[in-house]
């Protein structure tokens, strides 16, 4: 996402945030955020039953489906936690 998004890009980001909020409210999303300096990188950590389920969750993200964000699914396991 550029620092000065177009109206279309801003709408894609809003739809993405709404989707993430729904995932959180449904209990699937654990953590979401992004860096505040270039290169901008966002991270979503969510719980899924399988890799295929995780890929479906990502594919349904309007920010990804709309081409505003690129996404890559990777398995993750917490090693340490505060």
C-alpha atoms as a PDB file:
ATOM      1  CA  UNK A   1       0.000   0.000   0.000  1.00  0.00           C
ATOM      2  CA  UNK A   2       1.508   3.327  -1.011  1.00  0.00           C
ATOM      3  CA  UNK A   3       1.919   6.152   1.488  1.00  0.00           C
ATOM      4  CA  UNK A   4      -0.572   8.270  -0.482  1.00  0.00           C
ATOM      5  CA  UNK A   5      -3.207   5.763  -1.648  1.00  0.00           C
ATOM      6  CA  UNK A   6      -5.769   6.499  -4.322  1.00  0.00           C
ATOM      7  CA  UNK A   7      -9.429   6.449  -3.325  1.00  0.00           C
ATOM      8  CA  UNK A   8      -9.683   2.929  -4.751  1.00  0.00           C
ATOM      9  CA  UNK A   9      -6.643   1.748  -2.780  1.00  0.00           C
ATOM     10  CA  UNK A  10      -7.982   3.346   0.403  1.00  0.00           C
ATOM     11  CA  UNK A  11     -11.319   1.552  -0.109  1.00  0.00           C
ATOM     12  CA  UNK A  12      -9.453  -1.734  -0.609  1.00  0.00           C
ATOM     13  CA  UNK A  13      -7.584  -1.147   2.649  1.00  0.00           C
ATOM     14  CA  UNK A  14     -10.862  -0.378   4.476  1.00  0.00           C
ATOM     15  CA  UNK A  15     -12.440  -3.580   3.132  1.00  0.00           C
ATOM     16  CA  UNK A  16      -9.333  -5.487   4.260  1.00  0.00           C
ATOM     17  CA  UNK A  17      -9.573  -4.000   7.762  1.00  0.00           C
ATOM     18  CA  UNK A  18     -13.289  -4.828   7.937  1.00  0.00           C
ATOM     19  CA  UNK A  19     -12.479  -8.418   6.933  1.00  0.00           C
ATOM     20  CA  UNK A  20      -9.747  -8.651   9.584  1.00  0.00           C
ATOM     21  CA  UNK A  21     -12.169  -7.284  12.172  1.00  0.00           C
ATOM     22  CA  UNK A  22     -14.686 -10.003  11.262  1.00  0.00           C
ATOM     23  CA  UNK A  23     -11.965 -12.660  11.575  1.00  0.00           C
ATOM     24  CA  UNK A  24     -11.112 -11.280  15.017  1.00  0.00           C
ATOM     25  CA  UNK A  25     -14.737 -11.185  16.105  1.00  0.00           C
ATOM     26  CA  UNK A  26     -15.185 -14.800  14.941  1.00  0.00           C
ATOM     27  CA  UNK A  27     -12.155 -15.797  17.022  1.00  0.00           C
ATOM     28  CA  UNK A  28      -9.863 -16.761  14.128  1.00  0.00           C
ATOM     29  CA  UNK A  29      -7.572 -13.713  14.069  1.00  0.00           C
ATOM     30  CA  UNK A  30      -4.910 -13.643  16.762  1.00  0.00           C
ATOM     31  CA  UNK A  31      -2.842 -10.634  15.689  1.00  0.00           C
ATOM     32  CA  UNK A  32      -2.691  -8.171  12.799  1.00  0.00           C
ATOM     33  CA  UNK A  33      -0.491  -5.207  12.049  1.00  0.00           C
ATOM     34  CA  UNK A  34       1.997  -3.637   9.685  1.00  0.00           C
ATOM     35  CA  UNK A  35       5.294  -1.867   9.691  1.00  0.00           C
ATOM     36  CA  UNK A  36       5.284   1.933   9.705  1.00  0.00           C
ATOM     37  CA  UNK A  37       8.280   2.437   7.461  1.00  0.00           C
ATOM     38  CA  UNK A  38       9.228   1.161   4.033  1.00  0.00           C
ATOM     39  CA  UNK A  39       9.130  -1.477   2.893  1.00  0.00           C
ATOM     40  CA  UNK A  40       5.623  -1.713   4.345  1.00  0.00           C
ATOM     41  CA  UNK A  41       4.855  -5.260   5.442  1.00  0.00           C
ATOM     42  CA  UNK A  42       1.658  -6.496   7.027  1.00  0.00           C
ATOM     43  CA  UNK A  43       1.336  -9.611   9.162  1.00  0.00           C
ATOM     44  CA  UNK A  44      -1.813 -11.519  10.032  1.00  0.00           C
ATOM     45  CA  UNK A  45      -1.614 -14.403  12.446  1.00  0.00           C
ATOM     46  CA  UNK A  46      -4.769 -16.456  12.547  1.00  0.00           C
ATOM     47  CA  UNK A  47      -5.858 -19.942  13.466  1.00  0.00           C
ATOM     48  CA  UNK A  48      -6.969 -22.316  10.720  1.00  0.00           C
ATOM     49  CA  UNK A  49      -7.748 -26.025  10.730  1.00  0.00           C
ATOM     50  CA  UNK A  50      -5.478 -26.735   7.745  1.00  0.00           C
ATOM     51  CA  UNK A  51      -3.243 -25.038   5.222  1.00  0.00           C
ATOM     52  CA  UNK A  52      -6.093 -25.202   2.711  1.00  0.00           C
ATOM     53  CA  UNK A  53      -8.375 -23.396   5.169  1.00  0.00           C
ATOM     54  CA  UNK A  54      -5.685 -20.756   5.719  1.00  0.00           C
ATOM     55  CA  UNK A  55      -5.327 -20.269   1.973  1.00  0.00           C
ATOM     56  CA  UNK A  56      -9.117 -19.864   1.639  1.00  0.00           C
ATOM     57  CA  UNK A  57      -9.140 -17.266   4.422  1.00  0.00           C
ATOM     58  CA  UNK A  58      -6.413 -15.297   2.640  1.00  0.00           C
ATOM     59  CA  UNK A  59      -8.059 -15.653  -0.793  1.00  0.00           C
ATOM     60  CA  UNK A  60     -11.329 -14.226   0.604  1.00  0.00           C
ATOM     61  CA  UNK A  61      -9.590 -11.125   1.936  1.00  0.00           C
ATOM     62  CA  UNK A  62     -10.915  -8.281  -0.230  1.00  0.00           C
ATOM     63  CA  UNK A  63      -7.532  -6.552  -0.118  1.00  0.00           C
ATOM     64  CA  UNK A  64      -5.885  -9.629  -1.602  1.00  0.00           C
ATOM     65  CA  UNK A  65      -8.748 -10.543  -3.953  1.00  0.00           C
ATOM     66  CA  UNK A  66      -8.846  -6.935  -5.200  1.00  0.00           C
ATOM     67  CA  UNK A  67      -5.124  -6.935  -5.962  1.00  0.00           C
ATOM     68  CA  UNK A  68      -4.275  -4.271  -3.374  1.00  0.00           C
ATOM     69  CA  UNK A  69      -2.101  -6.600  -1.287  1.00  0.00           C
ATOM     70  CA  UNK A  70       0.083  -9.603  -2.018  1.00  0.00           C
ATOM     71  CA  UNK A  71      -0.140 -12.485   0.422  1.00  0.00           C
ATOM     72  CA  UNK A  72       1.812 -15.604   1.289  1.00  0.00           C
ATOM     73  CA  UNK A  73       0.595 -18.296   3.684  1.00  0.00           C
ATOM     74  CA  UNK A  74       3.191 -19.724   6.047  1.00  0.00           C
ATOM     75  CA  UNK A  75       2.724 -22.023   9.021  1.00  0.00           C
ATOM     76  CA  UNK A  76       3.673 -20.414  12.329  1.00  0.00           C
ATOM     77  CA  UNK A  77       4.166 -21.672  15.854  1.00  0.00           C
ATOM     78  CA  UNK A  78       4.854 -19.558  18.925  1.00  0.00           C
ATOM     79  CA  UNK A  79       8.184 -20.378  20.559  1.00  0.00           C
ATOM     80  CA  UNK A  80       8.066 -17.735  23.321  1.00  0.00           C
ATOM     81  CA  UNK A  81       5.339 -15.470  24.548  1.00  0.00           C
ATOM     82  CA  UNK A  82       5.287 -12.647  27.040  1.00  0.00           C
END
